[in-house]
Protein backbone atom coordinates (compact mmCIF):
# COMPACT_ATOMS: atom_id res chain seq x y z
CA MET A 1 13.67 14.22 -50.32
CA ILE A 2 14.96 12.13 -53.24
CA ARG A 3 17.35 9.37 -52.12
CA LEU A 4 17.31 7.15 -55.22
CA ILE A 5 17.43 8.09 -58.91
CA THR A 6 16.62 5.33 -61.39
CA ILE A 7 17.79 6.04 -64.94
CA ASP A 8 17.00 4.27 -68.19
CA VAL A 9 20.05 3.93 -70.46
CA ASP A 10 19.35 3.83 -74.19
CA GLY A 11 17.43 6.89 -75.33
CA THR A 12 17.83 8.47 -71.90
CA LEU A 13 21.30 8.40 -70.32
CA VAL A 14 23.29 7.96 -73.52
CA THR A 15 23.07 9.70 -76.88
CA PRO A 16 21.73 7.98 -80.02
CA LEU A 17 25.35 6.98 -80.70
CA LYS A 18 25.46 5.32 -77.23
CA ARG A 19 27.82 7.91 -75.73
CA LEU A 20 27.76 9.18 -72.16
CA THR A 21 28.01 12.97 -72.15
CA LYS A 22 30.34 14.82 -69.80
CA LYS A 23 27.39 16.76 -68.38
CA ASN A 24 25.49 13.58 -67.48
CA LYS A 25 28.58 12.06 -65.89
CA LYS A 26 29.28 15.20 -63.86
CA ALA A 27 25.67 15.56 -62.64
CA ILE A 28 25.48 11.93 -61.54
CA LYS A 29 28.72 12.26 -59.59
CA ARG A 30 27.38 15.46 -57.95
CA ALA A 31 24.28 13.58 -56.82
CA ARG A 32 26.34 10.67 -55.51
CA LYS A 33 28.47 13.02 -53.40
CA LEU A 34 25.25 14.21 -51.77
CA GLY A 35 24.39 10.62 -50.81
CA VAL A 36 21.89 9.94 -53.58
CA HIS A 37 21.85 6.36 -54.86
CA ILE A 38 21.94 5.94 -58.64
CA ALA A 39 20.55 2.83 -60.34
CA LEU A 40 20.76 2.10 -64.05
CA VAL A 41 17.54 0.45 -65.24
CA SER A 42 17.84 -1.03 -68.70
CA GLY A 43 16.75 -3.59 -71.22
CA ARG A 44 20.43 -4.44 -71.55
CA PRO A 45 22.00 -7.43 -69.78
CA PHE A 46 24.36 -6.61 -66.93
CA ASN A 47 27.39 -7.23 -69.15
CA GLY A 48 26.13 -4.46 -71.40
CA LEU A 49 26.13 -2.01 -68.48
CA ILE A 50 29.51 -2.69 -66.92
CA ASP A 51 31.43 0.00 -68.83
CA LEU A 52 28.86 2.64 -67.83
CA ILE A 53 28.81 1.42 -64.24
CA ASP A 54 32.59 1.71 -63.98
CA ASP A 55 32.69 5.08 -65.75
CA LEU A 56 30.09 6.52 -63.37
CA GLY A 57 31.72 5.11 -60.25
CA LEU A 58 28.76 2.85 -59.50
CA SER A 59 30.81 -0.25 -58.72
CA GLU A 60 31.06 0.66 -55.05
CA GLU A 61 29.27 -1.26 -52.34
CA GLY A 62 25.54 -0.55 -52.10
CA HIS A 63 24.88 0.19 -55.77
CA PHE A 64 22.75 -2.06 -57.97
CA SER A 65 21.48 -2.28 -61.55
CA ILE A 66 18.16 -3.48 -62.92
CA CYS A 67 18.70 -5.49 -66.10
CA GLN A 68 16.67 -6.79 -69.02
CA ASN A 69 13.62 -4.68 -68.14
CA GLY A 70 13.49 -5.91 -64.56
CA SER A 71 14.18 -9.59 -65.26
CA TYR A 72 16.96 -9.52 -62.68
CA VAL A 73 18.76 -7.14 -60.31
CA VAL A 74 22.54 -7.22 -59.85
CA ASP A 75 24.72 -5.94 -57.01
CA ASN A 76 27.27 -3.78 -58.86
CA HIS A 77 29.99 -4.40 -56.28
CA THR A 78 29.79 -8.19 -55.92
CA ARG A 79 28.34 -8.79 -59.44
CA GLU A 80 25.86 -11.17 -57.82
CA VAL A 81 22.19 -11.44 -58.82
CA LEU A 82 20.07 -10.20 -55.92
CA PHE A 83 16.81 -11.58 -57.30
CA GLY A 84 15.05 -12.08 -60.59
CA THR A 85 12.34 -13.72 -62.65
CA ASN A 86 13.31 -16.19 -65.33
CA GLN A 87 11.84 -17.72 -68.46
CA THR A 88 12.32 -21.27 -69.67
CA PRO A 89 13.03 -22.92 -73.05
CA ASP A 90 9.43 -24.18 -73.01
CA ALA A 91 8.17 -20.60 -72.68
CA LEU A 92 10.41 -19.58 -75.59
CA ARG A 93 8.98 -22.37 -77.74
CA ARG A 94 5.46 -21.33 -76.78
CA VAL A 95 6.04 -17.72 -77.84
CA ASP A 96 7.59 -18.96 -81.08
CA ASP A 97 4.44 -20.99 -81.80
CA LEU A 98 2.36 -17.81 -81.50
CA LEU A 99 4.29 -16.26 -84.40
CA LYS A 100 3.07 -18.74 -87.01
CA GLY A 101 1.74 -16.88 -90.04
CA TYR A 102 3.98 -13.85 -89.43
CA LYS A 103 7.36 -12.95 -90.90
CA LEU A 104 8.81 -12.54 -87.44
CA GLU A 105 11.44 -14.26 -85.30
CA VAL A 106 11.75 -14.66 -81.56
CA SER A 107 15.11 -14.68 -79.79
CA ALA A 108 16.07 -15.07 -76.14
CA MET A 109 18.68 -13.41 -73.94
CA ASP A 110 20.56 -14.22 -70.82
CA ASP A 111 23.61 -12.42 -69.46
CA LYS A 112 26.00 -14.30 -71.72
CA GLY A 113 24.32 -14.71 -75.08
CA PHE A 114 21.62 -13.97 -77.62
CA TYR A 115 19.87 -17.13 -78.85
CA THR A 116 17.82 -18.00 -81.94
CA ARG A 117 16.79 -21.24 -83.59
CA HIS A 118 16.97 -19.76 -87.10
CA PRO A 119 19.98 -20.90 -89.18
CA ARG A 120 19.85 -17.58 -91.05
CA PRO A 121 18.60 -14.96 -88.57
CA ASN A 122 16.89 -11.93 -90.09
CA ILE A 123 18.65 -8.56 -90.18
CA TYR A 124 16.70 -7.31 -87.14
CA THR A 125 17.89 -10.22 -85.00
CA ARG A 126 21.49 -9.68 -86.09
CA ILE A 127 21.32 -5.93 -85.42
CA ASP A 128 19.79 -6.33 -81.96
CA SER A 129 22.45 -8.87 -81.03
CA LYS A 130 25.10 -6.27 -81.87
CA ILE A 131 23.23 -3.54 -79.95
CA THR A 132 23.15 -5.67 -76.82
CA GLY A 133 26.81 -6.59 -77.21
CA LEU A 134 26.05 -10.32 -76.93
CA PRO A 135 27.23 -13.10 -79.24
CA LEU A 136 24.50 -14.51 -81.48
CA ASN A 137 24.09 -18.26 -80.92
CA ILE A 138 22.07 -20.46 -83.27
CA VAL A 139 20.65 -23.18 -81.02
CA PRO A 140 17.83 -25.67 -81.72
CA TYR A 141 15.31 -25.64 -78.87
CA GLU A 142 15.92 -29.30 -78.10
CA SER A 143 19.59 -28.51 -77.42
CA PHE A 144 18.84 -26.30 -74.40
CA GLU A 145 19.38 -27.85 -71.01
CA PRO A 146 16.11 -28.19 -69.05
CA ASP A 147 17.40 -25.78 -66.38
CA LYS A 148 18.38 -23.09 -68.91
CA ARG A 149 16.92 -19.71 -67.97
CA PHE A 150 16.48 -16.47 -69.92
CA GLY A 151 15.66 -12.88 -69.06
CA ARG A 152 13.65 -11.43 -71.91
CA PHE A 153 12.47 -12.67 -75.30
CA LEU A 154 12.53 -10.41 -78.35
CA ILE A 155 10.10 -10.62 -81.26
CA LEU A 156 11.91 -9.08 -84.23
CA GLY A 157 10.94 -8.29 -87.80
CA PRO A 158 9.78 -5.66 -90.30
CA SER A 159 7.73 -2.83 -88.78
CA ARG A 160 4.69 -3.66 -90.92
CA GLU A 161 4.70 -7.25 -89.59
CA ILE A 162 5.16 -6.02 -86.02
CA ARG A 163 2.13 -3.73 -86.45
CA ARG A 164 0.06 -6.56 -87.95
CA PHE A 165 1.01 -8.86 -85.09
CA ILE A 166 0.12 -6.22 -82.48
CA ASP A 167 -3.26 -5.63 -84.17
CA HIS A 168 -4.01 -9.35 -83.91
CA MET A 169 -1.98 -10.24 -80.83
CA PRO A 170 -2.83 -13.71 -79.48
CA ARG A 171 -4.66 -13.70 -76.17
CA ALA A 172 -2.05 -16.05 -74.67
CA LEU A 173 0.68 -13.45 -75.18
CA LYS A 174 -1.47 -10.69 -73.69
CA GLU A 175 -2.57 -12.68 -70.66
CA ASP A 176 0.49 -14.80 -69.83
CA TYR A 177 3.36 -12.38 -70.49
CA TYR A 178 4.34 -8.74 -70.10
CA GLN A 179 4.94 -7.51 -73.65
CA VAL A 180 5.86 -4.03 -74.85
CA GLN A 181 6.91 -2.57 -78.20
CA THR A 182 10.08 -0.52 -77.77
CA ALA A 183 11.07 0.00 -81.41
CA PRO A 184 9.28 -0.24 -84.77
CA PHE A 185 10.94 -3.64 -85.34
CA LEU A 186 10.86 -5.00 -81.77
CA ILE A 187 8.47 -6.34 -79.13
CA GLU A 188 10.03 -7.30 -75.80
CA VAL A 189 8.44 -10.18 -73.88
CA MET A 190 9.01 -10.87 -70.19
CA SER A 191 7.38 -13.00 -67.50
CA LYS A 192 3.89 -11.83 -66.59
CA ASN A 193 4.81 -9.68 -63.58
CA THR A 194 8.24 -8.61 -64.82
CA ASN A 195 8.87 -4.97 -65.66
CA LYS A 196 11.09 -2.12 -64.51
CA GLY A 197 8.53 -0.87 -62.00
CA PHE A 198 8.15 -4.27 -60.36
CA ALA A 199 11.91 -4.60 -59.94
CA ILE A 200 12.23 -1.10 -58.48
CA ARG A 201 9.46 -1.78 -55.99
CA LYS A 202 11.17 -4.97 -54.83
CA VAL A 203 14.56 -3.27 -54.50
CA CYS A 204 13.04 -0.40 -52.53
CA GLU A 205 11.44 -2.86 -50.14
CA LYS A 206 14.80 -4.56 -49.58
CA ARG A 207 16.85 -1.34 -49.34
CA GLY A 208 14.40 0.78 -47.35
CA PHE A 209 13.50 3.44 -49.94
CA GLU A 210 10.03 4.96 -49.88
CA ARG A 211 8.18 5.63 -53.13
CA GLY A 212 8.34 9.38 -52.53
CA GLU A 213 12.14 9.17 -52.29
CA VAL A 214 12.51 7.81 -55.83
CA MET A 215 13.07 9.89 -58.99
CA ALA A 216 12.82 7.97 -62.28
CA ILE A 217 13.99 9.16 -65.70
CA GLY A 218 13.01 7.42 -68.96
CA ASN A 219 11.96 7.76 -72.57
CA GLU A 220 10.27 4.62 -73.87
CA LYS A 221 7.07 2.64 -73.25
CA ASN A 222 8.92 0.03 -71.21
CA ASP A 223 9.83 2.86 -68.79
CA ILE A 224 6.17 3.59 -67.98
CA PRO A 225 6.01 1.07 -65.08
CA MET A 226 9.19 2.65 -63.67
CA LEU A 227 7.76 6.17 -63.80
CA LYS A 228 4.52 4.97 -62.22
CA GLU A 229 6.47 3.45 -59.34
CA ALA A 230 8.43 6.64 -58.63
CA GLY A 231 7.40 9.56 -56.48
CA PHE A 232 8.92 11.93 -59.04
CA ALA A 233 8.62 10.92 -62.71
CA VAL A 234 10.78 12.58 -65.35
CA ALA A 235 10.39 12.09 -69.11
CA MET A 236 12.97 12.96 -71.73
CA ALA A 237 12.05 15.51 -74.39
CA ASN A 238 12.61 12.72 -76.92
CA ALA A 239 10.28 10.36 -75.05
CA VAL A 240 7.27 8.73 -76.68
CA GLY A 241 3.92 10.41 -76.03
CA GLU A 242 2.58 7.42 -74.10
CA LEU A 243 5.27 7.97 -71.46
CA LYS A 244 5.10 11.76 -71.25
CA VAL A 245 1.55 11.69 -69.88
CA HIS A 246 2.92 9.94 -66.77
CA ALA A 247 5.65 12.53 -66.14
CA ASP A 248 5.80 15.22 -63.47
CA PHE A 249 8.53 16.98 -65.41
CA ILE A 250 9.86 16.85 -68.98
CA THR A 251 13.59 17.43 -69.24
CA ARG A 252 15.78 18.03 -72.27
CA SER A 253 16.52 15.34 -74.86
CA ASN A 254 19.29 12.76 -74.63
CA LEU A 255 21.18 14.77 -77.25
CA ARG A 256 21.15 17.73 -74.85
CA SER A 257 22.09 15.85 -71.64
CA GLY A 258 18.54 15.79 -70.31
CA VAL A 259 19.54 13.54 -67.41
CA ALA A 260 22.04 16.15 -66.21
CA TYR A 261 19.51 18.94 -66.61
CA ALA A 262 16.98 17.14 -64.39
CA ILE A 263 19.54 16.11 -61.76
CA ASP A 264 21.05 19.60 -61.59
CA LYS A 265 17.57 21.10 -61.03
CA LEU A 266 16.96 18.52 -58.31
CA ILE A 267 20.20 19.46 -56.55
CA GLU A 268 19.40 23.17 -56.87
CA ASN A 269 16.08 22.41 -55.16
CA ASP A 270 17.80 20.67 -52.21
CA LEU A 271 16.89 17.19 -53.55
CA GLU A 272 13.19 17.96 -53.35
CA LYS A 273 10.68 17.39 -56.13
CA PHE A 274 10.32 20.41 -58.43
CA VAL A 275 8.01 21.55 -61.25
């Protein structure tokens, strides 16, 4: 029986215009009334999830969110960080050094801001700052306090430069970090063992969920670890092909409330895995 549903946000729960459909909201509330726990699992910082959390009634005691691709987990009720992995200013500088020779920029995120050293950030950096809902701060690396900690880094730039960088990716980035391309103009970089699947596994250990009791819904390559960690993996119709091969079921697209479609089928099947 499914006791926990983990749901990606952008490209999955919300529409391309970042709207929560009435069908998705209704299905999630139906599942909650049956005792199913719902966890939002996103690349967004916690502050970027609060409106959705409140709208879905997930601020009650016992609910949690997985933020910045598993960099940290927050208790929705107390707003306290339960656990997380962090990256340092030195790690940010190291990733920046690996970009020499490419027309790319690296930025860093925590729960309060979006940080870059570039006096004139490129259009991709500015756009992603707006998407995350965080203020863009121009900060020289030497200005960071030694104890400053970040969730994820973002390598941003033209798609052709992103492709060229991926084709010649430095070994240090491959071996020392978890990196994943989630848009033509974006590579996300986390600590080596940090991803959505890792965070879900840790939360399940702490909260007493078995792998077979978890249903995961996602659409992008950074959701693959999450689907692998779940007993029942669901891909959106608009998901990338690399993710669909890991799915037990392919639901409708995010334009057609695919989250609701999958949850409603689960409820109709008495919270058991279906095909």
